[in-house]
Amino acid sequence: MDKVLRDFISYLSVEKGLAANTLEAYNRDLQAFAAFLKSRGITAFESVKRNEITAYLRSLQKKGRAASTLSRNLASIRSFYNFIFLEKRIDENPTADLESPRIEKKLPRVLSTREVELLLEQPDCSQLGGIRDKAMLELIYATGIRVSELMSLDLADVNLDAGFLRCLGKGSKERIIPLGSVAVRWVDEYLQKCRPKLIRYSGEKALFLNQHGKRLTRQGFWKILKKYATKAGISKEITPHTIRHSFATHLLENGADLRSVQEMLGHADISTTQIYTQITKHKLRDVYEKAHPRA
């Protein structure tokens, strides 16, 4: 089992060029599936039948897993079996015509523009760490990039004179995103005053550094964000993705077209971006009901 799985992950990495986080997710899903099969006395992926896959999905359902989790696991299993079928390791694909569970789409949690302003006001910019934090928060809200993309930025990826950054998203797809003047100002402030005092190794390419002069991690940024959200008195649960959702929603609320937002977010399918239009519709309804005398 382990060798077949390693071959698949290698295929996804080399042939498909998937990012490390995506490879980890595939591996995690398939390792859990393999453990389930072994508990039923099945020691080879090639001998699996359709009923074993449906039994696994039912076991996840009984554990209370969300429909989205079931769907993701099935997608991982389906991709895996498509691979070994094309490799002619099996004669029949057990995932053929296997339907994904229905997923109830939930609207993403977003911050209001006032809540974003409160969050961005929290860093103490009289301190070096505060300047760095302010630059990161302004940059992630200005561009809507994922936290993994923010942490992956190198110095060469940001062009402050032209006002844009270069970002490598899922599947190593490159996209160019404009930077607003406020984000440009604070990133420049960080580069001039803060980064030179944090750096330990002259060859370090990372844009944002921690106190040890190394690339800041996603976990590090998460802690920073939670600290400032608490300080701002924001009661909503906030993740780095909340900032991304807020970026997209605020753009659409202020007249941006859906295709442009899709391009900036790096969504392969515009249907993924369309969920933000539902948020703006809900807001319009709230505004109408509060403002119209006969609502």
Foldseek 3Di string as FASTA:
>chain_A
DVVLLVVLLVCCCPVLVFDPVVSVVLSVLVVVLCVQCVVVVDNDPQPDALVSLVVVLVVCVVVVDALVVSQVSLVSLQSSQVVVVVVVVHVDRRCVPPDRDDHDDDQDAADDPVLLVLLLPQQDVVDLVSLLLNLLSLFCLQQLEFLVFLLPDFPVQDDLVVAWGWTQDGSRDIAITGGDPVSSVSLVVNVVPHLVVQADDPPAGTSHADNNRHRDDLVNSQVVSVVSSVVSVPPDDDGSNNSSLHSLLVCVLVPDDLVVNCRSHVPPDSVVSCSSVVVSVVVVVVCCVVPPPVD
